[in-house]
Protein backbone atom coordinates (compact mmCIF):
# COMPACT_ATOMS: atom_id res chain seq x y z
CA MET A 1 -19.58 25.11 41.32
CA LEU A 2 -18.29 28.13 39.44
CA LEU A 3 -15.96 25.88 37.40
CA LEU A 4 -18.80 23.47 36.64
CA GLY A 5 -20.98 26.37 35.62
CA ALA A 6 -18.27 27.77 33.37
CA ALA A 7 -17.70 24.35 31.81
CA GLY A 8 -21.40 23.91 31.23
CA GLY A 9 -21.70 27.39 29.73
CA SER A 10 -18.75 26.78 27.41
CA TYR A 11 -20.23 23.51 26.24
CA LEU A 12 -23.62 25.11 25.55
CA TRP A 13 -21.89 27.86 23.57
CA PHE A 14 -19.94 25.24 21.62
CA ARG A 15 -23.16 23.34 20.89
CA SER A 16 -24.74 26.49 19.55
CA GLN A 17 -21.81 27.00 17.18
CA VAL A 18 -22.02 23.44 15.86
CA ALA A 19 -25.81 23.63 15.65
CA GLY A 20 -25.45 26.54 13.20
CA ALA A 21 -23.27 24.33 10.98
CA ASN A 22 -25.86 21.52 11.29
CA GLU A 23 -28.71 23.80 10.23
CA ARG A 24 -26.96 24.63 6.95
CA VAL A 25 -26.99 20.99 5.82
CA PRO A 26 -29.33 20.69 2.82
CA ASP A 27 -32.29 18.33 3.24
CA GLU A 28 -31.19 16.35 0.20
CA VAL A 29 -27.85 15.63 1.89
CA ARG A 30 -29.55 14.32 5.03
CA ALA A 31 -31.75 12.14 2.83
CA VAL A 32 -28.71 10.61 1.15
CA LEU A 33 -26.96 9.90 4.46
CA THR A 34 -29.94 8.61 6.46
CA ASP A 35 -30.26 4.90 7.30
CA LYS A 36 -27.09 3.86 5.55
CA PRO A 37 -26.09 0.18 5.79
CA SER A 38 -22.78 -0.54 7.43
CA SER A 39 -19.56 -0.65 5.47
CA THR A 40 -17.87 -3.95 4.89
CA ALA A 41 -14.88 -2.59 6.76
CA THR A 42 -16.25 -0.73 9.75
CA THR A 43 -19.36 -0.51 11.85
CA THR A 44 -21.93 2.07 10.83
CA GLY A 45 -21.61 5.55 12.17
CA THR A 46 -24.71 7.42 13.29
CA THR A 47 -26.05 10.16 11.05
CA ALA A 48 -25.45 13.36 12.94
CA ARG A 49 -28.19 15.70 14.07
CA ALA A 50 -28.08 18.77 16.25
CA ALA A 51 -26.82 17.81 19.72
CA ASP A 52 -29.70 16.81 21.98
CA SER A 53 -27.85 16.42 25.26
CA THR A 54 -26.78 19.04 27.75
CA THR A 55 -24.17 16.88 29.41
CA THR A 56 -20.58 18.01 29.30
CA THR A 57 -19.28 14.44 29.59
CA VAL A 58 -18.08 13.23 26.21
CA PRO A 59 -17.16 9.56 25.60
CA GLU A 60 -13.54 8.98 24.84
CA SER A 61 -13.89 7.48 21.35
CA PRO A 62 -16.09 8.43 18.41
CA SER A 63 -18.27 6.05 16.46
CA ALA A 64 -16.77 4.38 13.42
CA MET A 65 -17.68 6.42 10.37
CA HIS A 66 -16.88 7.40 6.81
CA LEU A 67 -16.78 11.17 6.51
CA LEU A 68 -16.71 12.99 3.17
CA VAL A 69 -14.87 16.31 3.36
CA LEU A 70 -15.47 18.80 0.55
CA GLY A 71 -13.58 22.02 -0.02
CA SER A 72 -15.41 24.33 -2.35
CA ASP A 73 -13.62 26.76 -4.63
CA HIS A 74 -15.85 29.70 -3.72
CA ARG A 75 -14.23 32.85 -2.29
CA GLU A 76 -15.89 36.02 -1.05
CA ASP A 77 -14.98 37.89 -4.23
CA GLU A 78 -16.18 35.13 -6.60
CA GLU A 79 -19.60 34.12 -7.89
CA GLU A 80 -20.96 31.12 -5.99
CA GLU A 81 -22.98 29.74 -8.92
CA GLY A 82 -21.03 27.10 -10.77
CA SER A 83 -18.58 26.48 -7.93
CA ARG A 84 -16.95 23.07 -7.97
CA SER A 85 -15.46 20.93 -5.22
CA ASP A 86 -11.79 21.85 -5.26
CA THR A 87 -10.98 19.25 -2.60
CA ILE A 88 -12.54 15.82 -2.11
CA ILE A 89 -11.23 13.77 0.81
CA LEU A 90 -12.84 10.63 2.21
CA VAL A 91 -12.00 9.98 5.87
CA ASN A 92 -12.18 6.54 7.49
CA ILE A 93 -12.43 6.69 11.29
CA ASP A 94 -11.98 3.26 12.85
CA PRO A 95 -11.67 3.48 16.66
CA ASP A 96 -12.10 -0.30 17.11
CA ARG A 97 -8.91 -0.99 15.17
CA GLY A 98 -7.34 2.29 16.27
CA PHE A 99 -6.54 3.98 12.99
CA LEU A 100 -7.54 6.83 10.72
CA SER A 101 -7.08 7.07 6.97
CA LEU A 102 -7.51 9.83 4.41
CA MET A 103 -8.19 9.18 0.72
CA SER A 104 -7.81 12.11 -1.67
CA ILE A 105 -9.78 11.95 -4.91
CA PRO A 106 -8.54 13.97 -7.92
CA ARG A 107 -11.03 16.65 -8.83
CA ASP A 108 -10.44 15.95 -12.55
CA LEU A 109 -11.10 12.21 -12.17
CA ARG A 110 -13.34 11.01 -15.01
CA VAL A 111 -16.31 9.19 -13.49
CA ASP A 112 -19.91 8.34 -14.20
CA VAL A 113 -21.89 11.10 -12.46
CA PRO A 114 -25.33 9.59 -11.66
CA GLY A 115 -27.90 11.02 -14.04
CA HIS A 116 -25.36 13.11 -15.94
CA GLY A 117 -23.04 10.67 -17.70
CA PHE A 118 -19.24 10.75 -17.67
CA ASN A 119 -17.54 13.93 -16.54
CA LYS A 120 -15.04 15.24 -14.03
CA ILE A 121 -15.98 14.22 -10.50
CA ASN A 122 -16.15 17.85 -9.34
CA TYR A 123 -18.86 18.39 -11.97
CA ALA A 124 -21.18 16.52 -9.59
CA TYR A 125 -20.94 19.39 -7.13
CA ALA A 126 -21.56 22.01 -9.82
CA VAL A 127 -24.83 20.41 -11.00
CA GLY A 128 -26.08 18.61 -7.90
CA GLY A 129 -24.25 19.99 -4.89
CA PRO A 130 -22.92 17.86 -2.05
CA ALA A 131 -25.75 15.30 -2.27
CA LEU A 132 -24.82 14.31 -5.83
CA THR A 133 -21.12 14.36 -4.91
CA ILE A 134 -21.81 11.89 -2.09
CA LYS A 135 -23.69 9.58 -4.48
CA THR A 136 -20.87 9.82 -7.02
CA VAL A 137 -18.14 8.98 -4.50
CA GLU A 138 -20.19 6.06 -3.13
CA GLN A 139 -20.70 4.69 -6.63
CA LEU A 140 -16.99 5.09 -7.41
CA THR A 141 -15.64 3.47 -4.24
CA GLY A 142 -18.41 1.17 -3.03
CA ILE A 143 -18.10 2.80 0.41
CA ASP A 144 -21.19 3.98 2.32
CA ILE A 145 -20.74 7.57 3.52
CA ASN A 146 -22.19 8.31 6.94
CA HIS A 147 -21.17 11.91 7.47
CA TYR A 148 -20.43 15.04 5.53
CA LEU A 149 -18.41 18.21 6.13
CA GLU A 150 -17.98 21.09 3.73
CA ILE A 151 -15.55 23.95 4.19
CA ASP A 152 -14.93 26.92 1.92
CA PHE A 153 -11.73 28.85 1.45
CA ASN A 154 -12.79 31.59 3.83
CA ALA A 155 -13.00 29.03 6.65
CA PHE A 156 -9.69 27.45 5.70
CA ARG A 157 -7.90 30.78 5.80
CA ASP A 158 -9.63 32.03 8.95
CA VAL A 159 -9.15 28.80 10.91
CA THR A 160 -5.45 28.69 10.04
CA ASP A 161 -5.07 32.27 11.26
CA SER A 162 -7.11 31.58 14.39
CA ILE A 163 -4.68 28.90 15.56
CA GLY A 164 -1.75 31.21 14.94
CA GLY A 165 -0.65 29.55 11.70
CA VAL A 166 0.66 26.06 10.99
CA TYR A 167 4.30 24.96 10.69
CA VAL A 168 4.86 23.16 7.39
CA ASP A 169 7.99 21.64 5.88
CA VAL A 170 7.66 23.11 2.37
CA ASP A 171 9.37 20.70 0.01
CA LYS A 172 10.36 23.05 -2.82
CA ARG A 173 9.99 26.57 -4.19
CA TYR A 174 6.44 27.47 -5.26
CA TYR A 175 6.06 30.47 -7.53
CA GLN A 176 3.31 31.74 -9.80
CA ASP A 177 2.87 35.37 -10.95
CA ASN A 178 0.30 34.81 -13.70
CA PRO A 179 -2.87 36.59 -12.49
CA LYS A 180 -4.93 34.02 -14.40
CA TYR A 181 -4.00 31.45 -11.74
CA GLU A 182 -3.36 31.41 -8.01
CA LEU A 183 -0.59 33.90 -7.17
CA ILE A 184 2.04 32.34 -4.93
CA LYS A 185 5.57 33.03 -3.78
CA LEU A 186 6.73 30.49 -1.23
CA ALA A 187 10.32 29.52 -0.41
CA PRO A 188 11.26 25.96 0.57
CA GLY A 189 12.01 25.06 4.15
CA TYR A 190 10.33 24.69 7.51
CA GLN A 191 8.17 27.73 8.19
CA LEU A 192 4.99 29.08 9.74
CA LEU A 193 2.23 29.52 7.17
CA ASP A 194 -0.56 31.99 7.83
CA GLY A 195 -4.02 31.47 6.38
CA GLU A 196 -3.39 33.05 2.98
CA HIS A 197 -0.04 31.32 2.39
CA ALA A 198 -1.44 28.00 3.61
CA LEU A 199 -4.30 28.37 1.14
CA ASP A 200 -1.87 29.11 -1.66
CA TYR A 201 0.20 26.08 -0.69
CA VAL A 202 -2.65 23.54 -0.67
CA ARG A 203 -4.27 24.90 -3.86
CA TYR A 204 -1.13 25.06 -6.01
CA ARG A 205 -1.39 22.84 -9.10
CA ARG A 206 0.83 24.49 -11.73
CA ASP A 207 3.63 21.94 -11.80
CA LYS A 208 4.15 18.51 -13.28
CA ASN A 209 2.20 16.87 -10.46
CA LEU A 210 -1.06 18.77 -11.14
CA ASP A 211 -3.90 17.46 -8.95
CA PHE A 212 -1.76 14.69 -7.47
CA GLY A 213 0.68 17.15 -5.93
CA MET A 214 -2.17 19.33 -4.69
CA MET A 215 -3.78 16.35 -2.95
CA GLU A 216 -0.52 15.35 -1.29
CA ARG A 217 0.05 18.91 -0.06
CA GLN A 218 -3.45 18.99 1.38
CA GLN A 219 -2.72 15.81 3.31
CA VAL A 220 0.67 17.14 4.44
CA PHE A 221 -1.08 20.22 5.78
CA LEU A 222 -3.80 18.24 7.57
CA THR A 223 -1.16 16.00 9.16
CA ALA A 224 0.74 19.08 10.36
CA VAL A 225 -2.44 20.53 11.85
CA ARG A 226 -3.04 17.31 13.77
CA GLU A 227 0.57 17.21 15.05
CA GLN A 228 0.27 20.77 16.32
CA ALA A 229 -3.28 20.63 17.63
CA MET A 230 -2.23 20.25 21.25
CA GLY A 231 -0.02 23.31 21.46
CA TRP A 232 0.08 25.04 24.83
CA ASP A 233 -1.58 28.18 23.54
CA LEU A 234 -4.51 26.46 21.80
CA ALA A 235 -6.74 26.78 24.88
CA PHE A 236 -6.42 30.56 24.71
CA ARG A 237 -7.27 30.54 21.01
CA LEU A 238 -10.05 27.95 21.16
CA PRO A 239 -13.08 30.31 21.14
CA ARG A 240 -11.66 32.10 18.10
CA VAL A 241 -10.90 28.78 16.40
CA VAL A 242 -14.41 27.44 17.00
CA SER A 243 -16.03 30.65 15.75
CA ALA A 244 -13.84 30.77 12.62
CA LEU A 245 -14.49 27.14 11.83
CA PHE A 246 -18.20 26.72 12.37
CA SER A 247 -19.20 30.04 10.87
CA ASN A 248 -17.91 28.78 7.53
CA VAL A 249 -18.53 25.04 7.80
CA THR A 250 -21.54 22.90 6.94
CA THR A 251 -21.60 19.48 8.57
CA THR A 252 -23.77 16.63 9.81
CA LEU A 253 -21.41 16.05 12.76
CA SER A 254 -22.95 16.89 16.13
CA ALA A 255 -21.18 18.73 18.94
CA ASN A 256 -20.50 15.42 20.70
CA ASP A 257 -19.17 13.92 17.45
CA VAL A 258 -16.75 16.83 17.02
CA LEU A 259 -15.47 16.67 20.60
CA LYS A 260 -14.99 12.91 20.50
CA LEU A 261 -13.19 13.06 17.14
CA ALA A 262 -10.92 15.86 18.33
CA TRP A 263 -10.04 14.10 21.57
CA TRP A 264 -9.42 10.78 19.86
CA GLY A 265 -7.55 12.24 16.90
CA VAL A 266 -4.93 14.25 18.80
CA ARG A 267 -4.05 11.20 20.91
CA LEU A 268 -3.82 8.83 17.94
CA ASP A 269 -0.37 7.42 17.22
CA GLY A 270 0.93 9.08 14.05
CA GLY A 271 1.94 5.64 12.80
CA LYS A 272 -1.74 4.70 12.79
CA MET A 273 -2.61 7.29 10.16
CA ARG A 274 -2.69 6.31 6.51
CA ARG A 275 -2.66 8.74 3.59
CA VAL A 276 -4.02 7.35 0.33
CA THR A 277 -4.18 9.12 -3.01
CA ILE A 278 -6.02 7.86 -6.07
CA VAL A 279 -3.33 8.21 -8.73
CA GLY A 280 -4.08 7.87 -12.41
CA ASP A 281 -3.12 8.97 -15.88
CA ALA A 282 -3.69 12.66 -16.68
CA ARG A 283 -4.50 13.21 -20.35
CA GLU A 284 -6.91 15.00 -22.64
CA GLN A 285 -10.05 13.57 -24.22
CA ASP A 286 -12.08 15.62 -26.67
CA GLY A 287 -10.08 18.66 -25.70
CA VAL A 288 -10.81 18.27 -21.97
CA SER A 289 -8.17 17.35 -19.40
CA TYR A 290 -9.11 14.35 -17.22
CA VAL A 291 -7.52 11.94 -14.80
CA PHE A 292 -8.17 8.33 -15.81
CA VAL A 293 -8.06 5.45 -13.31
CA ASP A 294 -9.17 1.90 -14.09
CA GLU A 295 -11.29 -0.25 -11.77
CA GLN A 296 -8.25 -2.08 -10.44
CA GLY A 297 -6.60 1.21 -9.47
CA ILE A 298 -9.73 2.29 -7.61
CA ALA A 299 -10.00 -1.09 -5.88
CA GLU A 300 -6.36 -0.94 -4.73
CA ALA A 301 -6.81 2.58 -3.34
CA VAL A 302 -9.97 1.54 -1.49
CA ASP A 303 -8.21 -1.51 -0.07
CA ASP A 304 -5.35 0.67 1.23
CA PHE A 305 -7.89 3.11 2.63
CA LEU A 306 -9.69 0.42 4.62
CA THR A 307 -6.58 -1.46 5.80
CA ALA A 308 -5.04 -0.49 9.13
CA PRO A 309 -1.42 0.69 8.71
CA SER A 310 1.34 -1.42 10.13
CA GLY A 311 2.71 -0.19 13.41
CA GLY A 312 6.05 -1.88 12.87
CA THR A 313 9.29 -0.01 12.53
CA PRO A 314 10.03 0.54 8.84
CA VAL A 315 13.67 -0.53 9.11
CA ALA A 316 15.48 -3.81 9.24
CA SER A 317 15.87 -5.24 12.72
CA GLY A 318 19.38 -5.20 14.16
CA GLY A 319 22.46 -3.60 12.65
CA SER A 320 22.19 -0.55 10.48
CA ALA A 321 19.48 0.26 8.03
CA THR A 322 19.45 -1.65 4.78
CA THR A 323 18.43 0.15 1.64
CA SER A 324 17.46 -0.60 -1.91
CA THR A 325 20.38 1.44 -3.17
CA THR A 326 24.11 0.95 -3.12
CA GLN A 327 24.53 1.66 0.60
CA ALA A 328 24.31 -1.32 2.92
CA LYS A 329 24.84 0.55 6.15
CA ALA A 330 25.89 3.87 7.54
CA ALA A 331 29.10 4.03 9.52
CA PRO A 332 28.87 4.72 13.25
CA GLU A 333 30.13 7.86 14.86
CA LEU A 334 32.97 7.46 17.38
CA ARG A 335 33.40 11.12 18.28
CA GLY A 336 34.90 11.59 21.75
CA MET A 337 36.28 8.04 22.02
CA LYS A 338 40.03 7.63 22.74
CA VAL A 339 41.56 4.63 20.96
CA ASP A 340 44.89 2.81 20.70
CA VAL A 341 45.60 0.83 17.50
CA LEU A 342 48.12 -2.03 17.55
CA ASN A 343 49.22 -4.10 14.58
CA ALA A 344 49.41 -7.85 15.20
CA ASN A 345 49.43 -9.11 11.60
CA GLY A 346 52.88 -8.01 10.40
CA ARG A 347 51.58 -6.00 7.41
CA ALA A 348 53.27 -2.60 7.37
CA GLY A 349 51.05 0.50 7.40
CA GLU A 350 47.77 -1.13 8.38
CA ALA A 351 47.73 0.29 11.89
CA ALA A 352 48.17 3.78 10.45
CA ALA A 353 45.41 3.17 7.87
CA ALA A 354 43.07 1.86 10.54
CA GLY A 355 43.91 4.87 12.71
CA GLU A 356 43.07 7.31 9.90
CA TRP A 357 39.78 5.55 9.25
CA LEU A 358 38.83 5.60 12.93
CA SER A 359 39.74 9.30 13.08
CA SER A 360 37.37 9.96 10.17
CA LEU A 361 34.62 8.47 12.37
CA GLY A 362 35.44 10.98 15.09
CA ALA A 363 37.68 8.86 17.36
CA GLU A 364 40.81 10.34 18.94
CA VAL A 365 43.60 7.90 18.06
CA VAL A 366 46.16 8.22 20.87
CA THR A 367 48.65 5.48 19.96
CA VAL A 368 49.51 3.68 16.71
CA GLY A 369 52.08 0.89 16.98
CA ASN A 370 52.95 -2.80 16.94
CA ALA A 371 51.42 -5.30 19.33
CA GLY A 372 54.61 -7.40 19.50
CA ILE A 373 52.58 -10.54 18.85
CA SER A 374 50.93 -12.25 15.90
CA VAL A 375 47.20 -13.13 15.99
CA ASP A 376 44.69 -14.44 13.49
CA ARG A 377 41.59 -12.54 14.62
CA THR A 378 41.08 -8.80 15.04
CA SER A 379 39.88 -7.98 18.54
CA VAL A 380 38.94 -5.05 20.77
CA GLU A 381 40.06 -4.85 24.40
CA TYR A 382 38.67 -2.29 26.82
CA PRO A 383 39.38 -1.19 30.42
CA SER A 384 36.85 -1.15 33.26
CA GLY A 385 33.90 1.13 32.63
CA ALA A 386 34.37 1.24 28.86
CA ALA A 387 32.35 -1.79 27.77
CA ASP A 388 29.88 0.28 25.71
CA GLU A 389 32.70 2.01 23.85
CA GLY A 390 34.35 -1.32 23.22
CA GLU A 391 31.19 -2.83 21.75
CA LEU A 392 30.65 0.23 19.55
CA LEU A 393 34.20 0.05 18.22
CA ALA A 394 33.95 -3.70 17.64
CA GLY A 395 30.78 -3.09 15.64
CA ALA A 396 32.54 -0.50 13.50
CA LEU A 397 35.35 -2.95 12.80
CA GLN A 398 32.91 -5.83 12.27
CA THR A 399 34.54 -8.15 14.79
CA ASP A 400 32.75 -10.17 17.46
CA SER A 401 35.86 -10.37 19.67
CA CYS A 402 35.45 -7.73 22.38
CA VAL A 403 36.83 -8.42 25.88
CA TRP A 404 37.79 -6.65 29.10
CA SER A 405 41.49 -6.33 29.84
CA GLU A 406 43.02 -5.09 33.07
CA LYS A 407 46.18 -3.93 31.27
CA ARG A 408 44.42 -1.49 28.91
CA GLN A 409 44.22 2.22 29.74
CA ARG A 410 41.74 2.90 26.94
CA VAL A 411 39.86 1.02 24.25
CA THR A 412 42.42 -0.80 22.11
CA VAL A 413 42.20 -2.36 18.65
CA ILE A 414 44.49 -5.32 17.94
CA LEU A 415 44.66 -5.93 14.20
CA GLY A 416 44.73 -9.63 13.35
CA ASP A 417 45.53 -11.42 10.11
CA ASP A 418 41.84 -11.21 9.11
CA PHE A 419 41.76 -7.42 9.30
CA ALA A 420 40.46 -5.34 6.42
CA LEU A 421 38.85 -1.92 6.41
CA PRO A 422 35.07 -2.46 6.26
CA SER A 423 33.96 -2.37 2.63
CA ASP A 424 30.18 -2.13 3.05
CA TYR A 425 30.20 1.48 4.12
CA ALA A 426 29.53 3.57 1.05
CA LEU A 427 32.08 6.18 2.07
CA PRO A 428 34.42 6.52 5.02
CA PRO A 429 32.54 9.46 6.54
CA SER A 430 34.82 12.43 6.80
CA ALA A 431 34.45 16.08 5.97
CA ASN A 432 36.67 15.58 2.94
CA THR A 433 34.87 12.61 1.45
CA ILE A 434 31.20 13.53 1.67
CA SER A 435 29.44 14.76 -1.45
CA GLY A 436 29.78 18.52 -1.76
CA ALA A 437 32.46 18.65 0.94
CA GLY A 438 33.49 22.20 0.08
CA GLY A 439 29.94 23.48 0.34
CA TRP A 440 29.39 21.83 3.70
CA LYS A 441 32.63 23.28 5.09
CA LYS A 442 31.57 26.73 3.92
CA ILE A 443 28.24 26.30 5.70
CA ALA A 444 30.02 25.18 8.87
CA ARG A 445 32.08 28.38 8.85
CA MET A 446 28.95 30.52 8.49
CA VAL A 447 26.46 28.75 10.75
CA PRO A 448 26.75 29.34 14.52
CA PHE A 449 25.90 25.78 15.55
CA ALA A 450 27.09 22.22 14.94
CA VAL A 451 26.67 21.42 11.25
CA ARG A 452 26.37 17.84 9.99
CA GLY A 453 26.52 16.60 6.42
CA PRO A 454 25.44 13.27 4.87
CA ALA A 455 27.99 10.70 3.80
CA TYR A 456 25.19 8.87 2.02
CA ILE A 457 22.68 10.24 -0.48
CA PRO A 458 20.12 7.85 -2.05
CA GLU A 459 20.75 6.89 -5.63
CA GLY A 460 19.32 9.34 -8.14
CA TYR A 461 19.26 12.33 -5.75
CA PHE A 462 21.43 15.39 -6.32
CA PHE A 463 21.96 18.61 -4.41
CA VAL A 464 20.06 21.50 -6.02
CA GLU A 465 19.64 24.29 -3.46
CA ARG A 466 20.11 25.40 0.11
CA MET A 467 18.02 27.84 2.12
CA PRO A 468 18.83 30.56 2.57
CA VAL A 469 20.71 30.98 -0.68
CA GLU A 470 22.66 34.03 0.38
CA GLY A 471 23.12 33.77 4.14
CA ALA A 472 24.18 31.49 6.94
CA THR A 473 20.75 30.69 8.31
CA TYR A 474 17.15 31.77 7.97
CA ASP A 475 14.90 32.44 10.94
CA ILE A 476 11.86 30.20 11.24
CA ASP A 477 9.25 32.90 11.74
CA GLY A 478 7.40 31.75 14.79
CA LYS A 479 4.36 32.67 16.77
CA GLU A 480 4.49 35.77 18.95
CA GLY A 481 7.02 35.44 21.75
CA ASP A 482 8.74 32.36 20.36
CA GLY A 483 12.03 34.15 19.73
CA ASP A 484 14.61 33.51 17.03
CA LYS A 485 14.89 30.02 15.56
CA PRO A 486 17.86 29.94 13.18
CA ALA A 487 17.92 27.08 10.67
CA PHE A 488 19.12 26.08 7.24
CA ARG A 489 17.94 23.48 4.74
CA MET A 490 19.56 21.47 1.97
CA LEU A 491 17.46 20.28 -0.96
CA TYR A 492 18.17 17.14 -3.01
CA ARG A 493 16.16 16.49 -6.17
CA LEU A 494 15.38 13.16 -7.82
CA LYS A 495 16.57 12.55 -11.38
CA GLN A 496 15.29 9.51 -13.27
CA HIS A 497 16.22 8.46 -16.79
CA GLY A 498 17.84 11.83 -17.39
CA GLU A 499 14.72 13.78 -16.37
CA TRP A 500 14.33 15.90 -13.26
CA MET A 501 11.33 14.91 -11.13
CA ASP A 502 9.41 17.19 -8.76
CA GLN A 503 10.50 15.12 -5.77
CA TYR A 504 12.76 16.74 -3.18
CA MET A 505 14.46 15.23 -0.12
CA GLY A 506 15.29 17.80 2.54
CA ILE A 507 17.83 18.01 5.37
CA THR A 508 17.02 20.59 8.04
CA GLU A 509 19.18 21.71 10.96
CA THR A 510 18.02 24.15 13.66
CA THR A 511 18.61 25.12 17.27
CA TRP A 512 14.84 25.10 17.80
CA LEU A 513 14.89 21.84 19.75
CA ASP A 514 11.15 21.63 20.41
CA ALA A 515 9.97 22.39 16.89
CA PRO A 516 6.70 20.61 16.02
CA ALA A 517 8.66 18.61 13.42
CA ALA A 518 10.17 16.68 16.36
CA SER A 519 6.86 14.90 16.87
CA ASP A 520 6.15 11.48 18.34
CA GLY A 521 7.13 8.40 16.42
CA ARG A 522 8.97 5.09 16.65
CA GLU A 523 12.42 5.25 18.22
CA VAL A 524 15.43 3.40 16.84
CA LYS A 525 18.79 3.47 18.67
CA ARG A 526 21.91 3.28 16.50
CA GLY A 527 25.48 3.95 17.60
CA GLY A 528 24.47 5.79 20.73
CA THR A 529 21.98 8.05 18.93
CA THR A 530 18.20 7.79 19.20
CA PHE A 531 16.42 8.40 15.89
CA THR A 532 12.67 8.99 15.77
CA ILE A 533 10.76 7.81 12.69
CA VAL A 534 7.56 9.77 12.04
CA GLY A 535 4.70 8.43 9.94
CA ALA A 536 3.21 5.11 8.95
CA ALA A 537 5.61 2.28 8.17
CA ASP A 538 4.85 2.44 4.45
CA LYS A 539 4.84 6.25 4.25
CA VAL A 540 7.51 7.67 6.51
CA GLU A 541 7.34 11.47 6.79
CA ARG A 542 10.77 12.17 8.32
CA VAL A 543 13.50 10.93 10.63
CA TRP A 544 14.72 13.31 13.36
CA TRP A 545 17.31 13.29 16.16
CA LYS A 546 19.13 15.70 18.47
CA ALA A 547 22.84 16.18 19.08
CA ASP A 548 25.11 19.01 20.22
CA GLY A 549 22.13 21.26 21.02
CA VAL A 550 20.79 20.97 17.46
CA LEU A 551 17.66 19.35 16.04
CA TYR A 552 18.26 17.53 12.75
CA TRP A 553 15.78 15.86 10.45
CA VAL A 554 15.65 14.25 7.02
CA SER A 555 12.32 14.78 5.30
CA ASN A 556 10.82 12.51 2.66
CA THR A 557 9.63 13.65 -0.73
CA LEU A 558 6.07 14.80 -1.28
CA PHE A 559 5.07 11.38 -2.62
CA HIS A 560 7.08 9.37 -0.05
CA THR A 561 9.48 8.19 -2.75
CA LEU A 562 12.10 7.16 -0.19
CA SER A 563 11.65 4.23 2.16
CA GLY A 564 12.10 4.41 5.90
CA GLU A 565 15.34 2.46 5.50
CA GLU A 566 16.73 5.05 3.10
CA LEU A 567 15.78 8.01 5.28
CA LEU A 568 17.34 6.33 8.31
CA ALA A 569 20.50 5.54 6.35
CA VAL A 570 20.86 9.23 5.45
CA ALA A 571 20.31 10.20 9.08
CA GLU A 572 22.86 7.65 10.35
CA SER A 573 25.46 8.84 7.87
CA MET A 574 25.39 12.47 9.04
CA ILE A 575 28.80 13.49 10.35
CA LEU A 576 30.08 16.60 12.07
CA ILE A 577 31.63 19.14 9.70
CA PRO A 578 34.56 21.09 11.19
CA SER A 579 34.36 24.84 10.83
CA GLY A 580 38.13 25.28 10.55
């Protein structure tokens, strides 16, 4: 009874917090949202009112809805009059089809603001508040909006602090010391962002990407929050989180709506989340900077927004990952395997060459010699209990002849007349042949854990920086009591047509095995290693795996420039770098 009473009391307190956020909704907003017809894509959600039930039993799934999220640019030390919507995100919640999508709208998008002519879309908020913004977004997209949530920067900062910060894989260095703009000093790499740094990160727009980069960073942050929402310590922080959130939020969502959305959202497969950004042409008109998008561009974004993401694995089935670049596949790793190599084709030196190549893959070549026979086909023979090793070696050599032999003490390669070193591996992966071999060996001597470097880098990407610049590793500053989490990160930047782009691929290595970056995803087994692919099939976030007590991951660029196949190819090509 005491537990039931406590649960009931907690729920009533939660309702009171949400009710305060409901009461702040302007009447004109409720008028705009009331009695909306259903969307062509989902069933109609119910316009939220203050919770009218005292039950603590909450249905598992929320109603289908379209929720407009507005982030206002008002801070405590700024005048509220004239504030504009700094963030505009439309959320599609579709429990029936089991997916959630986010569509970011550029704040400088030139649109027809009802009753005010053409202007930036955030002008609607300045002259007509959230009600006019809702009308403007509906007119732009053709989507009926059922719910509304507005959050200011105070709430964003306080909520982030209340959950103990959020771990974010910062793609590049962000720096701005001009007091006219947002001040920011943020190093690249995986790190814990507190409220102020998180706010700086999501608001930054002083690079080539302008609003488009800001929108992507906002979605990156929201995705990270969702991935980390079920942390063990959240229950202890929940009252503080609820107070921080609903004291600074205005919303039509009821207490039951919030609970159902939270419960459904944290259990949603990450591959069933779609991030959509309306991307256009940024240019000036009459001395004013706008983002221009034609009707077709809007229609395509809306279609992506309303279409459930594919749950399929974003890599080719069977074999190694295929890519759109020069690499067809990444070579397997044979570390720990003992191999004999016998020449049966009569060509001098080929057994030694094959042995060197297999050694570069990590195999221990015990014997190199002549078979004493002549055969047409290259084959692999293995002793009892070594069938898996035999199949792996046969795959590396690209032969389908792999048989058990009672006379073999270890896995044995017999080179036939058809033998040739595989040519579709971009590089024989060894510490001496990978790009930047000297740098990787230096890192291996400095870092106190197993370092791996990529034998394959996607076309157009070049190494530009490692973190930390001066030391062996940096410590991922964690929440209280988490202990040291040493890591390092390599940054690769995209260059197109002789111009550097603000798109960075990252490789991170850390002994923090249960970092939130190692989140759920789709598993792919290659060469004895299980890789996990995180994100929707068309927008892969990262590929991670574990080996030798180390967590490794390859992170995509901010705009998901690399395909899942390319990320997996980089991951597969990672080889152990000797420290000697």
